[in-house]
C-alpha atoms as a PDB file:
ATOM      1  CA  MET A   1      98.822 123.910 116.904  1.00  0.00           C
ATOM      2  CA  SER A   2      98.049 123.450 120.547  1.00  0.00           C
ATOM      3  CA  PHE A   3     100.383 123.854 123.483  1.00  0.00           C
ATOM      4  CA  ALA A   4     100.662 122.544 127.032  1.00  0.00           C
ATOM      5  CA  THR A   5     103.112 122.730 129.886  1.00  0.00           C
ATOM      6  CA  ILE A   6     105.140 119.603 130.667  1.00  0.00           C
ATOM      7  CA  ASP A   7     107.751 119.680 133.435  1.00  0.00           C
ATOM      8  CA  GLY A   8     107.512 123.480 133.416  1.00  0.00           C
ATOM      9  CA  LYS A   9     108.271 123.733 129.681  1.00  0.00           C
ATOM     10  CA  LEU A  10     105.886 124.932 126.998  1.00  0.00           C
ATOM     11  CA  VAL A  11     105.514 122.169 124.408  1.00  0.00           C
ATOM     12  CA  ASN A  12     103.495 121.690 121.251  1.00  0.00           C
ATOM     13  CA  GLU A  13     101.077 118.778 121.651  1.00  0.00           C
ATOM     14  CA  GLY A  14      99.058 119.055 118.458  1.00  0.00           C
ATOM     15  CA  TRP A  15      99.692 119.766 114.818  1.00  0.00           C
ATOM     16  CA  SER A  16      97.556 120.123 111.700  1.00  0.00           C
ATOM     17  CA  ALA A  17      98.682 120.098 108.094  1.00  0.00           C
ATOM     18  CA  GLY A  18      97.272 119.669 104.628  1.00  0.00           C
ATOM     19  CA  PRO A  19      96.932 121.190 101.184  1.00  0.00           C
ATOM     20  CA  VAL A  20      95.037 124.403 100.449  1.00  0.00           C
ATOM     21  CA  ALA A  21      91.907 122.332  99.781  1.00  0.00           C
ATOM     22  CA  ASP A  22      91.960 121.107 103.413  1.00  0.00           C
ATOM     23  CA  PRO A  23      94.711 122.573 105.633  1.00  0.00           C
ATOM     24  CA  THR A  24      93.625 120.377 108.550  1.00  0.00           C
ATOM     25  CA  ALA A  25      93.482 117.068 106.653  1.00  0.00           C
ATOM     26  CA  LEU A  26      96.202 115.645 108.882  1.00  0.00           C
ATOM     27  CA  GLY A  27      95.948 116.032 112.630  1.00  0.00           C
ATOM     28  CA  VAL A  28      98.565 114.753 115.075  1.00  0.00           C
ATOM     29  CA  SER A  29      98.191 114.995 118.856  1.00  0.00           C
ATOM     30  CA  VAL A  30     100.697 113.697 121.404  1.00  0.00           C
ATOM     31  CA  TRP A  31     100.635 114.211 125.172  1.00  0.00           C
ATOM     32  CA  PRO A  32     101.780 112.389 128.323  1.00  0.00           C
ATOM     33  CA  THR A  33      99.706 109.365 129.262  1.00  0.00           C
ATOM     34  CA  SER A  34      97.667 109.525 132.432  1.00  0.00           C
ATOM     35  CA  PRO A  35      95.566 106.650 133.797  1.00  0.00           C
ATOM     36  CA  GLY A  36      92.065 106.603 132.309  1.00  0.00           C
ATOM     37  CA  ALA A  37      92.481 110.005 130.660  1.00  0.00           C
ATOM     38  CA  TYR A  38      92.235 108.909 127.041  1.00  0.00           C
ATOM     39  CA  GLN A  39      90.389 105.925 125.640  1.00  0.00           C
ATOM     40  CA  CYS A  40      90.766 104.631 122.106  1.00  0.00           C
ATOM     41  CA  LYS A  41      87.295 103.845 120.827  1.00  0.00           C
ATOM     42  CA  TYR A  42      86.433 100.659 118.998  1.00  0.00           C
ATOM     43  CA  TYR A  43      84.109 100.835 115.982  1.00  0.00           C
ATOM     44  CA  PRO A  44      82.860  97.428 114.735  1.00  0.00           C
ATOM     45  CA  GLY A  45      83.825  96.798 111.117  1.00  0.00           C
ATOM     46  CA  GLN A  46      86.216  99.768 111.035  1.00  0.00           C
ATOM     47  CA  THR A  47      88.772  99.131 113.797  1.00  0.00           C
ATOM     48  CA  SER A  48      91.847  96.916 113.573  1.00  0.00           C
ATOM     49  CA  TYR A  49      94.328  96.110 116.313  1.00  0.00           C
ATOM     50  CA  LEU A  50      98.012  96.376 115.434  1.00  0.00           C
ATOM     51  CA  THR A  51     101.327  96.316 117.258  1.00  0.00           C
ATOM     52  CA  VAL A  52     103.850  99.070 116.538  1.00  0.00           C
ATOM     53  CA  ASP A  53     107.228  99.020 118.271  1.00  0.00           C
ATOM     54  CA  GLY A  54     105.835  96.428 120.686  1.00  0.00           C
ATOM     55  CA  VAL A  55     102.873  98.621 121.650  1.00  0.00           C
ATOM     56  CA  PRO A  56      99.202  97.923 120.828  1.00  0.00           C
ATOM     57  CA  VAL A  57      97.481 100.561 118.718  1.00  0.00           C
ATOM     58  CA  ARG A  58      94.056 100.855 117.126  1.00  0.00           C
ATOM     59  CA  LEU A  59      93.687 101.698 113.473  1.00  0.00           C
ATOM     60  CA  ARG A  60      90.314 102.887 112.222  1.00  0.00           C
ATOM     61  CA  THR A  61      89.618 103.009 108.500  1.00  0.00           C
ATOM     62  CA  ILE A  62      86.487 104.457 106.930  1.00  0.00           C
ATOM     63  CA  SER A  63      86.275 103.999 103.185  1.00  0.00           C
ATOM     64  CA  GLU A  64      82.847 104.764 101.837  1.00  0.00           C
ATOM     65  CA  PRO A  65      81.432 107.232  99.303  1.00  0.00           C
ATOM     66  CA  GLY A  66      82.219 110.754 100.479  1.00  0.00           C
ATOM     67  CA  LYS A  67      84.276 109.662 103.478  1.00  0.00           C
ATOM     68  CA  HIS A  68      87.826 108.347 103.408  1.00  0.00           C
ATOM     69  CA  VAL A  69      89.366 108.673 106.845  1.00  0.00           C
ATOM     70  CA  GLN A  70      92.057 106.878 108.797  1.00  0.00           C
ATOM     71  CA  SER A  71      92.838 107.315 112.465  1.00  0.00           C
ATOM     72  CA  LEU A  72      95.418 105.769 114.727  1.00  0.00           C
ATOM     73  CA  CYS A  73      95.130 105.724 118.493  1.00  0.00           C
ATOM     74  CA  ALA A  74      97.686 104.619 121.078  1.00  0.00           C
ATOM     75  CA  ARG A  75      96.710 105.087 124.723  1.00  0.00           C
ATOM     76  CA  ASN A  76     100.222 104.474 126.010  1.00  0.00           C
ATOM     77  CA  PHE A  77     103.034 104.547 123.470  1.00  0.00           C
ATOM     78  CA  HIS A  78     106.060 104.494 125.766  1.00  0.00           C
ATOM     79  CA  GLY A  79     104.428 106.998 128.128  1.00  0.00           C
ATOM     80  CA  LEU A  80     102.637 109.054 125.475  1.00  0.00           C
ATOM     81  CA  ALA A  81      99.072 109.080 124.208  1.00  0.00           C
ATOM     82  CA  VAL A  82      99.039 109.461 120.422  1.00  0.00           C
ATOM     83  CA  SER A  83      96.163 110.306 118.101  1.00  0.00           C
ATOM     84  CA  ILE A  84      96.609 110.736 114.343  1.00  0.00           C
ATOM     85  CA  ASN A  85      93.751 111.488 111.942  1.00  0.00           C
ATOM     86  CA  LEU A  86      93.955 111.707 108.168  1.00  0.00           C
ATOM     87  CA  ASP A  87      90.996 112.842 106.040  1.00  0.00           C
ATOM     88  CA  GLY A  88      91.516 111.762 102.439  1.00  0.00           C
ATOM     89  CA  ASN A  89      88.922 113.781 100.541  1.00  0.00           C
ATOM     90  CA  VAL A  90      88.222 117.444  99.878  1.00  0.00           C
ATOM     91  CA  PRO A  91      85.599 118.871 102.265  1.00  0.00           C
ATOM     92  CA  GLY A  92      82.275 119.721 100.672  1.00  0.00           C
ATOM     93  CA  THR A  93      82.746 117.371  97.718  1.00  0.00           C
ATOM     94  CA  SER A  94      81.059 114.055  97.225  1.00  0.00           C
ATOM     95  CA  ASP A  95      84.208 112.000  96.817  1.00  0.00           C
ATOM     96  CA  ARG A  96      87.099 114.022  95.379  1.00  0.00           C
ATOM     97  CA  PRO A  97      90.423 112.887  96.881  1.00  0.00           C
ATOM     98  CA  LEU A  98      92.805 115.431  98.321  1.00  0.00           C
ATOM     99  CA  PRO A  99      95.633 116.392  95.970  1.00  0.00           C
ATOM    100  CA  ASP A 100      98.670 114.156  96.584  1.00  0.00           C
ATOM    101  CA  ALA A 101      96.860 112.267  99.368  1.00  0.00           C
ATOM    102  CA  ALA A 102      98.338 109.006  98.121  1.00  0.00           C
ATOM    103  CA  THR A 103     101.902 110.312  98.574  1.00  0.00           C
ATOM    104  CA  VAL A 104     101.322 110.706 102.314  1.00  0.00           C
ATOM    105  CA  GLY A 105     100.537 107.024 102.644  1.00  0.00           C
ATOM    106  CA  GLY A 106      98.363 106.606 105.700  1.00  0.00           C
ATOM    107  CA  VAL A 107      98.391 107.204 109.422  1.00  0.00           C
ATOM    108  CA  LEU A 108     100.817 104.317 109.994  1.00  0.00           C
ATOM    109  CA  THR A 109     103.317 105.978 107.646  1.00  0.00           C
ATOM    110  CA  VAL A 110     102.909 109.285 109.476  1.00  0.00           C
ATOM    111  CA  PHE A 111     103.273 107.536 112.848  1.00  0.00           C
ATOM    112  CA  ARG A 112     106.471 105.770 111.791  1.00  0.00           C
ATOM    113  CA  HIS A 113     107.988 109.104 110.752  1.00  0.00           C
ATOM    114  CA  LEU A 114     107.363 110.775 114.105  1.00  0.00           C
ATOM    115  CA  GLN A 115     110.224 111.083 116.567  1.00  0.00           C
ATOM    116  CA  LEU A 116     108.627 110.866 119.986  1.00  0.00           C
ATOM    117  CA  PHE A 117     110.994 111.765 122.819  1.00  0.00           C
ATOM    118  CA  GLY A 118     108.771 110.588 125.667  1.00  0.00           C
ATOM    119  CA  PRO A 119     106.908 112.290 128.510  1.00  0.00           C
ATOM    120  CA  THR A 120     109.981 113.399 130.506  1.00  0.00           C
ATOM    121  CA  VAL A 121     111.466 116.646 129.186  1.00  0.00           C
ATOM    122  CA  ALA A 122     114.780 116.000 131.003  1.00  0.00           C
ATOM    123  CA  ASP A 123     115.280 112.937 128.785  1.00  0.00           C
ATOM    124  CA  TRP A 124     114.856 114.866 125.532  1.00  0.00           C
ATOM    125  CA  PRO A 125     117.967 115.512 123.431  1.00  0.00           C
ATOM    126  CA  ALA A 126     119.457 119.003 123.758  1.00  0.00           C
ATOM    127  CA  GLN A 127     119.692 119.258 119.948  1.00  0.00           C
ATOM    128  CA  GLN A 128     116.839 118.022 117.817  1.00  0.00           C
ATOM    129  CA  PRO A 129     117.838 115.628 114.984  1.00  0.00           C
END
């Protein structure tokens, strides 16, 4: 986890999760957007452009022997920069998939399950759902 201060409040801006074989297989980072601060890179042959909730995002998929990775990048998702990375194979193996990796879906599934409250702490709900 990583933390930052937003509007004088300490908030978590990054999370990692995964099975014992790779506890950091999933990485999620969310922070307030600032002009020019974060650029989503384009990789020819790996990057797709999508629209999620009316906002453009970049989806990068690498599927080759020994490397199965997805990443999603949104520079400005309703005032937030969002980066999600999902590594689908066990580190140090040639091509063994992570246990239950298929049940996670992909980065779009993870993104759709996030509840992002926006960059203004005063607008956040007093009780989390």
